[in-house]
């Protein structure tokens, strides 16, 4: 788990069949953009682009057709670049 200084507490938990849950906290209802970024800094999957309610969020991510490499999770809150979070790395093997 990555404990973020801003309190979003981003986690990626493996799930069966080349899937994972992405978990994070929202203090307030917010517009969320959640995406997967590859090592070449290219967005390879847009998971969410919509408003979410406050509280603990759990998003199921299926990575079945992604190539084995290291990826980052990008979590953007209310389209504010100052909290564009890209510090959670995970590897698909």
C-alpha atoms as a PDB file:
ATOM      1  CA  UNK A   1       0.000   0.000   0.000  1.00  0.00           C
ATOM      2  CA  UNK A   2       1.134   3.521  -0.700  1.00  0.00           C
ATOM      3  CA  UNK A   3       0.340   5.966   2.109  1.00  0.00           C
ATOM      4  CA  UNK A   4       0.025   9.355   0.469  1.00  0.00           C
ATOM      5  CA  UNK A   5       0.642  12.590   2.309  1.00  0.00           C
ATOM      6  CA  UNK A   6      -2.718  13.913   1.106  1.00  0.00           C
ATOM      7  CA  UNK A   7      -4.588  11.002   2.707  1.00  0.00           C
ATOM      8  CA  UNK A   8      -5.892   9.180  -0.385  1.00  0.00           C
ATOM      9  CA  UNK A   9      -4.189   5.907   0.673  1.00  0.00           C
ATOM     10  CA  UNK A  10      -3.933   4.349  -2.777  1.00  0.00           C
ATOM     11  CA  UNK A  11      -3.704   0.534  -2.845  1.00  0.00           C
ATOM     12  CA  UNK A  12      -3.611  -2.119  -5.561  1.00  0.00           C
ATOM     13  CA  UNK A  13      -4.758  -5.571  -4.420  1.00  0.00           C
ATOM     14  CA  UNK A  14      -4.391  -8.614  -6.698  1.00  0.00           C
ATOM     15  CA  UNK A  15      -7.580 -10.474  -7.582  1.00  0.00           C
ATOM     16  CA  UNK A  16      -8.136 -13.739  -9.449  1.00  0.00           C
ATOM     17  CA  UNK A  17      -7.791 -14.007 -13.224  1.00  0.00           C
ATOM     18  CA  UNK A  18      -5.424 -11.113 -14.120  1.00  0.00           C
ATOM     19  CA  UNK A  19      -7.469  -8.567 -12.212  1.00  0.00           C
ATOM     20  CA  UNK A  20      -6.774  -6.215  -9.338  1.00  0.00           C
ATOM     21  CA  UNK A  21      -8.742  -3.902  -7.092  1.00  0.00           C
ATOM     22  CA  UNK A  22      -7.607  -0.293  -6.893  1.00  0.00           C
ATOM     23  CA  UNK A  23      -8.600   1.217  -3.556  1.00  0.00           C
ATOM     24  CA  UNK A  24      -8.453   4.835  -2.413  1.00  0.00           C
ATOM     25  CA  UNK A  25     -10.184   7.250  -0.049  1.00  0.00           C
ATOM     26  CA  UNK A  26     -12.107  10.407  -0.926  1.00  0.00           C
ATOM     27  CA  UNK A  27     -12.811  12.950   1.802  1.00  0.00           C
ATOM     28  CA  UNK A  28     -15.397  14.739  -0.375  1.00  0.00           C
ATOM     29  CA  UNK A  29     -17.518  13.943  -3.405  1.00  0.00           C
ATOM     30  CA  UNK A  30     -15.144  14.582  -6.318  1.00  0.00           C
ATOM     31  CA  UNK A  31     -14.704  14.149 -10.044  1.00  0.00           C
ATOM     32  CA  UNK A  32     -12.162  11.335 -10.495  1.00  0.00           C
ATOM     33  CA  UNK A  33      -9.947  10.393 -13.409  1.00  0.00           C
ATOM     34  CA  UNK A  34      -8.250   7.054 -12.733  1.00  0.00           C
ATOM     35  CA  UNK A  35      -5.932   5.620 -15.362  1.00  0.00           C
ATOM     36  CA  UNK A  36      -3.076   3.188 -15.936  1.00  0.00           C
ATOM     37  CA  UNK A  37       0.198   4.571 -17.343  1.00  0.00           C
ATOM     38  CA  UNK A  38       2.948   2.428 -18.878  1.00  0.00           C
ATOM     39  CA  UNK A  39       6.725   2.842 -18.594  1.00  0.00           C
ATOM     40  CA  UNK A  40       6.722   5.051 -21.725  1.00  0.00           C
ATOM     41  CA  UNK A  41       4.392   7.503 -19.948  1.00  0.00           C
ATOM     42  CA  UNK A  42       1.460   6.539 -22.193  1.00  0.00           C
ATOM     43  CA  UNK A  43      -2.056   6.074 -20.824  1.00  0.00           C
ATOM     44  CA  UNK A  44      -2.967   2.468 -21.619  1.00  0.00           C
ATOM     45  CA  UNK A  45      -6.265   2.257 -19.786  1.00  0.00           C
ATOM     46  CA  UNK A  46      -8.806   4.812 -18.583  1.00  0.00           C
ATOM     47  CA  UNK A  47     -10.628   3.204 -15.668  1.00  0.00           C
ATOM     48  CA  UNK A  48     -12.863   6.021 -14.427  1.00  0.00           C
ATOM     49  CA  UNK A  49     -13.751   9.546 -15.503  1.00  0.00           C
ATOM     50  CA  UNK A  50     -16.767  10.482 -13.398  1.00  0.00           C
ATOM     51  CA  UNK A  51     -17.935  11.894 -10.079  1.00  0.00           C
ATOM     52  CA  UNK A  52     -17.665   9.596  -7.049  1.00  0.00           C
ATOM     53  CA  UNK A  53     -19.099   9.990  -3.569  1.00  0.00           C
ATOM     54  CA  UNK A  54     -16.962  10.535  -0.474  1.00  0.00           C
ATOM     55  CA  UNK A  55     -15.568   7.443   1.261  1.00  0.00           C
ATOM     56  CA  UNK A  56     -13.534   4.353   0.434  1.00  0.00           C
ATOM     57  CA  UNK A  57     -13.546   3.550  -3.301  1.00  0.00           C
ATOM     58  CA  UNK A  58     -12.944   0.110  -4.827  1.00  0.00           C
ATOM     59  CA  UNK A  59     -12.419  -0.144  -8.603  1.00  0.00           C
ATOM     60  CA  UNK A  60     -11.949  -3.506 -10.334  1.00  0.00           C
ATOM     61  CA  UNK A  61      -9.197  -3.376 -12.973  1.00  0.00           C
ATOM     62  CA  UNK A  62      -8.824  -6.167 -15.550  1.00  0.00           C
ATOM     63  CA  UNK A  63      -5.342  -6.181 -17.096  1.00  0.00           C
ATOM     64  CA  UNK A  64      -5.734  -9.331 -19.187  1.00  0.00           C
ATOM     65  CA  UNK A  65      -4.414  -7.882 -22.452  1.00  0.00           C
ATOM     66  CA  UNK A  66      -1.666  -5.596 -21.075  1.00  0.00           C
ATOM     67  CA  UNK A  67       1.935  -6.559 -21.777  1.00  0.00           C
ATOM     68  CA  UNK A  68       4.125  -7.618 -18.836  1.00  0.00           C
ATOM     69  CA  UNK A  69       5.935  -4.491 -17.608  1.00  0.00           C
ATOM     70  CA  UNK A  70       5.811  -1.909 -14.836  1.00  0.00           C
ATOM     71  CA  UNK A  71       2.801   0.434 -14.731  1.00  0.00           C
ATOM     72  CA  UNK A  72       1.674   3.411 -12.661  1.00  0.00           C
ATOM     73  CA  UNK A  73      -1.748   4.314 -11.366  1.00  0.00           C
ATOM     74  CA  UNK A  74      -2.720   7.926 -12.012  1.00  0.00           C
ATOM     75  CA  UNK A  75      -5.418   9.341  -9.740  1.00  0.00           C
ATOM     76  CA  UNK A  76      -6.562  12.863 -10.558  1.00  0.00           C
ATOM     77  CA  UNK A  77      -9.115  14.587  -8.316  1.00  0.00           C
ATOM     78  CA  UNK A  78     -11.321  17.395  -9.698  1.00  0.00           C
ATOM     79  CA  UNK A  79      -8.967  17.854 -12.706  1.00  0.00           C
ATOM     80  CA  UNK A  80      -6.447  19.548 -10.422  1.00  0.00           C
ATOM     81  CA  UNK A  81      -2.879  18.815 -11.571  1.00  0.00           C
ATOM     82  CA  UNK A  82      -1.543  19.586  -8.100  1.00  0.00           C
ATOM     83  CA  UNK A  83      -2.913  16.288  -6.845  1.00  0.00           C
ATOM     84  CA  UNK A  84      -2.198  14.150  -9.877  1.00  0.00           C
ATOM     85  CA  UNK A  85      -0.902  11.054  -8.087  1.00  0.00           C
ATOM     86  CA  UNK A  86       1.483   8.847 -10.023  1.00  0.00           C
ATOM     87  CA  UNK A  87       3.563   7.339  -7.272  1.00  0.00           C
ATOM     88  CA  UNK A  88       2.087   3.859  -7.123  1.00  0.00           C
ATOM     89  CA  UNK A  89       4.061   1.460  -9.317  1.00  0.00           C
ATOM     90  CA  UNK A  90       3.077  -2.130  -9.951  1.00  0.00           C
ATOM     91  CA  UNK A  91       4.395  -4.827 -12.231  1.00  0.00           C
ATOM     92  CA  UNK A  92       2.346  -7.153 -14.396  1.00  0.00           C
ATOM     93  CA  UNK A  93       4.173 -10.385 -15.076  1.00  0.00           C
END
